C-alpha cells in the first residue's frame, strides 16, 4: 500500500516538475536578454543621440542652404540677368531640389548610425528599381515635366495663368508640382505631369474687352457715337490706359440685343479693373442719354 502511494505521488509530481523546469528556462532566458540589453544600452543611447544630432544639423543646413539660395538668386536679379518672375521660379525650383537631396542624405546617414546596412538597401533598391519604376511612372513624369516647364520658361512665378481650367497666379513651381492661387484665395496644387495646355495672361500686354448689349429700338449710329465720345474721356481718365478704347461697332445680333464690342490694350493684370471701369461708364452714360439696356423681365400673374 505504501509502495503504491509513493508511485502515485511520483507520477503526479512528474508533470509539475516539467512545468517548473520550463518556467525556470524562460526566466533564465529572459534574464540573459535583460543582461544583454543592459550591456548594450550605452551603445544604443549613443547611436540615438548621434542620430538626433545628425537630424538637428541637417535641419540647420537646410535652413542655411535656403538662405544661400535666396541670396544667390537675389544677386542674380540685381545684376539684371533675369526678370523678377524668372528669379522667383529659379528660387522655387532650386529650393525644391535642394530639400529632396538633403532629406535623402539625412535619412541615409541616420540609418547608417542605427546600424542599418545602407549599401544593401541601395543594392536592393537598384535591383528592384525596374519593378518600382512601373509604380512611380507618374512621379517620374511629374519631375520631367517640371524640368521642361522651367527650361522652356512657359510660366514663371507671379504669372496669371489658366491651367486645366484653373485660373490664378502662379505661387511656386517645384520639381513635382505647380501651385496656383485663384482670386478667391484658393490654392491649387497641380502635378506637373498633368499640365497640358497653359494660357499665360502675363506676357507683354493684355486686352480689356467689354461687350455692350444695345437695344434694337435705338439708332445704332447714335449709340456708337455716344460710346466713342465716352471712350475718349475714359482713355484720359482711367489709370493704366495709354490709348483710347476702340469701339468696334456691331459685333453680333442676339435675340434681344445688338452687341457692340469695346477693346483696349492695357498692362498685364489690370484688364479686370479696366473692364469694370468701362462697364460702369457705359451704364452711367446710357442712363444719362435715356437708353434702356436690354434686360429680361419675368411676368408673375396673380391667381
Protein backbone atom coordinates (compact mmCIF):
# COMPACT_ATOMS: atom_id res chain seq x y z
CA UNK A 1 0.00 0.00 0.00
CA UNK A 2 2.77 2.39 0.92
CA UNK A 3 4.58 1.46 -2.31
CA UNK A 4 1.51 2.27 -4.44
CA UNK A 5 1.10 5.69 -2.75
CA UNK A 6 4.76 6.56 -3.39
CA UNK A 7 4.46 5.52 -7.02
CA UNK A 8 1.30 7.67 -7.44
CA UNK A 9 2.99 10.70 -5.83
CA UNK A 10 5.99 10.31 -8.12
CA UNK A 11 3.70 10.04 -11.17
CA UNK A 12 1.79 13.26 -10.23
CA UNK A 13 5.00 15.13 -9.46
CA UNK A 14 6.47 14.46 -12.91
CA UNK A 15 4.25 16.99 -14.88
CA UNK A 16 4.63 19.59 -12.13
CA UNK A 17 8.39 19.20 -12.25
CA UNK A 18 8.29 19.67 -16.06
CA UNK A 19 6.35 22.92 -15.72
CA UNK A 20 8.75 24.15 -13.06
CA UNK A 21 11.74 23.33 -15.25
CA UNK A 22 10.18 25.11 -18.25
CA UNK A 23 9.44 28.22 -16.19
CA UNK A 24 13.00 28.18 -14.96
CA UNK A 25 14.32 28.09 -18.53
CA UNK A 26 12.08 31.03 -19.51
CA UNK A 27 13.21 33.10 -16.53
CA UNK A 28 16.84 32.29 -17.25
CA UNK A 29 16.44 33.22 -20.94
CA UNK A 30 14.71 36.49 -20.01
CA UNK A 31 17.49 37.26 -17.59
CA UNK A 32 20.10 36.71 -20.29
CA UNK A 33 18.21 39.05 -22.65
CA UNK A 34 17.87 41.70 -19.98
CA UNK A 35 21.58 41.42 -19.28
CA UNK A 36 22.43 41.83 -22.98
CA UNK A 37 20.08 44.82 -23.25
CA UNK A 38 21.66 46.49 -20.25
CA UNK A 39 25.13 45.83 -21.58
CA UNK A 40 24.21 47.29 -25.00
CA UNK A 41 22.24 50.21 -23.56
CA UNK A 42 25.16 52.69 -23.64
CA UNK A 43 25.78 51.88 -27.31
CA UNK A 44 22.09 52.28 -28.22
CA UNK A 45 21.89 55.55 -26.34
CA UNK A 46 24.98 56.83 -28.13
CA UNK A 47 23.54 55.89 -31.54
CA UNK A 48 20.20 57.57 -30.79
CA UNK A 49 21.97 60.72 -29.64
CA UNK A 50 24.14 60.74 -32.76
CA UNK A 51 21.07 60.23 -34.97
CA UNK A 52 19.29 63.11 -33.23
CA UNK A 53 22.38 65.27 -33.70
CA UNK A 54 22.50 64.46 -37.42
CA UNK A 55 18.82 65.38 -37.82
CA UNK A 56 19.40 68.64 -35.91
CA UNK A 57 22.42 69.55 -38.03
CA UNK A 58 20.54 68.57 -41.19
CA UNK A 59 17.69 70.96 -40.34
CA UNK A 60 20.21 73.76 -39.75
CA UNK A 61 21.98 73.02 -43.04
CA UNK A 62 18.63 73.06 -44.88
CA UNK A 63 17.80 76.47 -43.44
CA UNK A 64 21.24 77.84 -44.26
CA UNK A 65 21.03 76.37 -47.77
CA UNK A 66 17.66 78.00 -48.38
CA UNK A 67 19.05 81.37 -47.31
CA UNK A 68 22.09 80.92 -49.54
CA UNK A 69 19.85 80.09 -52.49
CA UNK A 70 17.77 83.21 -51.79
CA UNK A 71 20.92 85.34 -51.56
CA UNK A 72 22.40 83.96 -54.78
CA UNK A 73 19.12 84.41 -56.65
CA UNK A 74 18.79 87.96 -55.28
CA UNK A 75 22.28 88.80 -56.50
CA UNK A 76 21.42 87.47 -59.95
CA UNK A 77 18.28 89.61 -60.04
CA UNK A 78 20.24 92.73 -59.05
CA UNK A 79 22.61 92.13 -61.94
CA UNK A 80 19.63 92.12 -64.29
CA UNK A 81 20.36 88.67 -65.67
CA UNK A 82 16.75 87.51 -65.21
CA UNK A 83 13.36 89.09 -64.70
CA UNK A 84 11.69 89.07 -61.29
CA UNK A 85 9.38 86.23 -62.32
CA UNK A 86 12.25 84.13 -63.65
CA UNK A 87 14.25 84.73 -60.47
CA UNK A 88 11.31 83.60 -58.31
CA UNK A 89 10.90 80.49 -60.46
CA UNK A 90 14.60 79.57 -60.20
CA UNK A 91 14.47 80.09 -56.43
CA UNK A 92 11.38 77.88 -56.07
CA UNK A 93 12.79 75.05 -58.19
CA UNK A 94 16.31 75.18 -56.68
CA UNK A 95 14.90 75.10 -53.15
CA UNK A 96 12.73 72.10 -54.01
CA UNK A 97 15.67 70.12 -55.45
CA UNK A 98 17.91 71.07 -52.51
CA UNK A 99 15.28 69.90 -50.00
CA UNK A 100 14.89 66.49 -51.66
CA UNK A 101 18.67 65.94 -51.77
CA UNK A 102 19.14 66.92 -48.12
CA UNK A 103 16.26 64.72 -46.93
CA UNK A 104 17.82 61.74 -48.74
CA UNK A 105 21.25 62.38 -47.21
CA UNK A 106 19.83 62.78 -43.68
CA UNK A 107 17.82 59.56 -43.88
CA UNK A 108 20.82 57.64 -45.25
CA UNK A 109 23.19 58.87 -42.52
CA UNK A 110 20.65 58.19 -39.73
CA UNK A 111 20.08 54.63 -40.95
CA UNK A 112 23.84 54.05 -41.06
CA UNK A 113 24.23 55.29 -37.48
CA UNK A 114 21.44 52.99 -36.30
CA UNK A 115 23.29 50.00 -37.75
CA UNK A 116 21.27 49.53 -40.92
CA UNK A 117 23.32 48.37 -43.88
CA UNK A 118 22.58 51.20 -46.30
CA UNK A 119 24.69 49.64 -49.05
CA UNK A 120 22.50 46.56 -49.05
CA UNK A 121 19.37 48.69 -49.09
CA UNK A 122 20.65 50.68 -52.05
CA UNK A 123 21.61 47.46 -53.84
CA UNK A 124 18.15 46.03 -53.27
CA UNK A 125 16.63 49.32 -54.39
CA UNK A 126 18.70 49.19 -57.55
CA UNK A 127 17.64 45.63 -58.30
CA UNK A 128 14.01 46.44 -57.58
CA UNK A 129 14.17 49.77 -59.38
CA UNK A 130 12.68 48.35 -62.53
CA UNK A 131 9.69 46.95 -60.69
CA UNK A 132 9.27 50.13 -58.63
CA UNK A 133 9.52 52.31 -61.73
CA UNK A 134 6.24 50.92 -63.03
CA UNK A 135 4.52 52.25 -59.93
CA UNK A 136 6.49 55.51 -60.00
CA UNK A 137 5.80 56.42 -63.62
CA UNK A 138 3.56 59.30 -62.56
CA UNK A 139 6.24 60.68 -60.24
CA UNK A 140 8.90 60.48 -62.95
CA UNK A 141 6.54 62.16 -65.44
CA UNK A 142 5.86 64.98 -62.98
CA UNK A 143 9.58 65.58 -62.40
CA UNK A 144 10.48 65.55 -66.10
CA UNK A 145 7.56 67.85 -66.96
CA UNK A 146 8.64 70.23 -64.20
CA UNK A 147 12.15 70.42 -65.64
CA UNK A 148 10.79 71.20 -69.13
CA UNK A 149 8.45 73.87 -67.75
CA UNK A 150 11.40 75.51 -66.03
CA UNK A 151 13.78 75.28 -69.02
CA UNK A 152 11.24 76.49 -71.57
CA UNK A 153 10.03 79.31 -69.34
CA UNK A 154 6.43 78.90 -70.44
CA UNK A 155 5.30 80.06 -67.00
CA UNK A 156 7.10 81.75 -64.13
CA UNK A 157 6.23 82.58 -60.54
CA UNK A 158 3.88 85.57 -60.47
CA UNK A 159 2.27 84.90 -63.87
CA UNK A 160 -1.51 84.99 -64.22
CA UNK A 161 -2.36 81.71 -65.93
CA UNK A 162 -5.10 79.25 -66.77
CA UNK A 163 -4.05 75.62 -66.31
CA UNK A 164 -6.52 72.75 -66.67
CA UNK A 165 -9.39 75.29 -66.45
CA UNK A 166 -7.95 76.62 -63.17
CA UNK A 167 -7.13 80.33 -63.25
CA UNK A 168 -4.93 82.22 -60.82
CA UNK A 169 -1.46 83.47 -60.00
CA UNK A 170 1.50 81.05 -60.01
CA UNK A 171 2.89 80.99 -56.46
CA UNK A 172 5.59 78.35 -56.86
CA UNK A 173 7.00 75.87 -59.34
CA UNK A 174 8.54 72.86 -57.63
CA UNK A 175 10.21 69.84 -59.14
CA UNK A 176 6.96 67.86 -58.94
CA UNK A 177 4.07 70.31 -58.64
CA UNK A 178 2.97 73.81 -59.59
CA UNK A 179 0.97 75.86 -57.09
CA UNK A 180 -1.66 78.33 -58.35
CA UNK A 181 -3.77 80.65 -56.16
CA UNK A 182 -7.05 81.94 -57.60
CA UNK A 183 -8.78 85.28 -56.99
CA UNK A 184 -10.76 83.87 -54.04
CA UNK A 185 -7.56 82.75 -52.32
CA UNK A 186 -7.98 79.04 -53.09
CA UNK A 187 -4.73 77.16 -53.68
CA UNK A 188 -4.49 74.56 -56.45
CA UNK A 189 -1.58 72.10 -56.35
CA UNK A 190 -1.24 70.78 -59.91
CA UNK A 191 1.10 67.86 -60.72
CA UNK A 192 3.45 68.97 -63.48
CA UNK A 193 2.73 65.81 -65.45
CA UNK A 194 -0.96 66.78 -65.72
CA UNK A 195 -0.23 70.15 -67.30
CA UNK A 196 -1.17 70.00 -70.97
CA UNK A 197 -2.31 73.45 -72.15
CA UNK A 198 -1.21 76.67 -70.48
CA UNK A 199 -2.85 80.03 -71.03
CA UNK A 200 -0.41 82.67 -69.86
CA UNK A 201 -2.04 86.08 -69.38
CA UNK A 202 1.10 87.84 -68.14
CA UNK A 203 3.25 88.29 -71.23
CA UNK A 204 3.80 91.72 -72.82
CA UNK A 205 0.23 93.07 -72.65
CA UNK A 206 -3.43 92.23 -72.15
CA UNK A 207 -6.66 93.49 -73.73
CA UNK A 208 -9.64 94.72 -71.77
CA UNK A 209 -12.74 93.68 -73.69
CA UNK A 210 -16.30 94.77 -72.91
CA UNK A 211 -19.35 93.65 -74.89
CA UNK A 212 -22.21 96.15 -74.66
CA UNK A 213 -25.77 94.94 -75.27
CA UNK A 214 -27.74 97.68 -77.03
CA UNK A 215 -31.49 97.79 -77.78
CA UNK A 216 -32.71 97.29 -81.35
CA UNK A 217 -35.04 100.29 -80.95
CA UNK A 218 -32.20 102.79 -80.73
CA UNK A 219 -30.31 104.22 -83.69
CA UNK A 220 -27.09 102.24 -83.83
CA UNK A 221 -25.06 105.10 -85.29
CA UNK A 222 -26.12 107.26 -82.33
CA UNK A 223 -25.15 104.56 -79.84
CA UNK A 224 -21.73 104.07 -81.45
CA UNK A 225 -21.17 107.84 -81.43
CA UNK A 226 -22.08 108.06 -77.72
CA UNK A 227 -19.74 105.19 -76.88
CA UNK A 228 -16.86 106.69 -78.88
CA UNK A 229 -17.31 110.00 -77.09
CA UNK A 230 -17.34 108.30 -73.69
CA UNK A 231 -14.28 106.19 -74.54
CA UNK A 232 -12.28 109.31 -75.39
CA UNK A 233 -12.89 110.50 -71.83
CA UNK A 234 -12.09 107.04 -70.47
CA UNK A 235 -8.73 106.99 -72.28
CA UNK A 236 -7.72 110.16 -70.46
CA UNK A 237 -9.21 109.44 -67.03
CA UNK A 238 -8.80 105.71 -66.39
CA UNK A 239 -5.48 104.88 -64.76
CA UNK A 240 -3.36 102.46 -66.78
CA UNK A 241 -4.67 103.32 -70.25
CA UNK A 242 -2.23 104.77 -72.77
CA UNK A 243 -4.66 104.78 -75.69
CA UNK A 244 -8.34 105.42 -76.38
CA UNK A 245 -10.54 102.29 -76.17
CA UNK A 246 -11.74 101.23 -79.61
CA UNK A 247 -15.47 100.91 -80.27
CA UNK A 248 -15.65 98.02 -82.74
CA UNK A 249 -19.19 98.83 -83.90
CA UNK A 250 -21.63 95.90 -84.13
CA UNK A 251 -20.16 92.55 -83.11
CA UNK A 252 -23.25 90.33 -83.34
CA UNK A 253 -27.04 90.22 -83.28
CA UNK A 254 -28.64 88.49 -80.32
CA UNK A 255 -32.30 87.64 -79.95
CA UNK A 256 -32.99 90.74 -77.86
CA UNK A 257 -29.96 92.98 -78.35
CA UNK A 258 -27.31 94.30 -80.69
CA UNK A 259 -23.84 93.60 -79.26
CA UNK A 260 -21.19 96.29 -79.60
CA UNK A 261 -17.61 95.48 -78.51
CA UNK A 262 -15.13 97.83 -76.84
CA UNK A 263 -11.46 96.80 -76.65
CA UNK A 264 -8.26 98.44 -75.45
CA UNK A 265 -4.70 97.33 -74.79
CA UNK A 266 -3.71 97.57 -71.13
CA UNK A 267 -0.97 96.46 -68.70
CA UNK A 268 -0.83 92.83 -67.62
CA UNK A 269 -3.06 92.06 -64.66
CA UNK A 270 -5.03 95.33 -64.98
CA UNK A 271 -7.66 94.25 -67.51
CA UNK A 272 -10.23 93.18 -64.89
CA UNK A 273 -10.18 96.58 -63.21
CA UNK A 274 -10.29 98.46 -66.51
CA UNK A 275 -13.18 96.34 -67.78
CA UNK A 276 -15.14 97.15 -64.60
CA UNK A 277 -14.44 100.86 -65.06
CA UNK A 278 -15.56 100.75 -68.69
CA UNK A 279 -18.81 98.97 -67.86
CA UNK A 280 -19.53 101.49 -65.11
CA UNK A 281 -19.00 104.39 -67.53
CA UNK A 282 -21.17 102.83 -70.24
CA UNK A 283 -24.07 102.21 -67.83
CA UNK A 284 -23.88 105.75 -66.42
CA UNK A 285 -23.74 107.29 -69.90
CA UNK A 286 -26.68 105.21 -71.16
CA UNK A 287 -28.73 106.28 -68.13
CA UNK A 288 -27.85 109.91 -68.86
CA UNK A 289 -28.89 109.56 -72.51
CA UNK A 290 -32.09 107.74 -71.62
CA UNK A 291 -31.03 104.49 -73.34
CA UNK A 292 -32.55 101.46 -71.70
CA UNK A 293 -30.25 98.46 -71.96
CA UNK A 294 -31.93 95.15 -72.87
CA UNK A 295 -32.91 93.09 -69.86
CA UNK A 296 -35.14 90.15 -69.16
CA UNK A 297 -38.49 90.71 -67.45
CA UNK A 298 -40.44 87.98 -65.76
CA UNK A 299 -44.19 88.49 -65.52
CA UNK A 300 -45.87 86.96 -62.49
CA UNK A 301 -49.63 86.51 -62.73
CA UNK A 302 -51.66 86.74 -59.56
CA UNK A 303 -54.11 83.88 -59.21
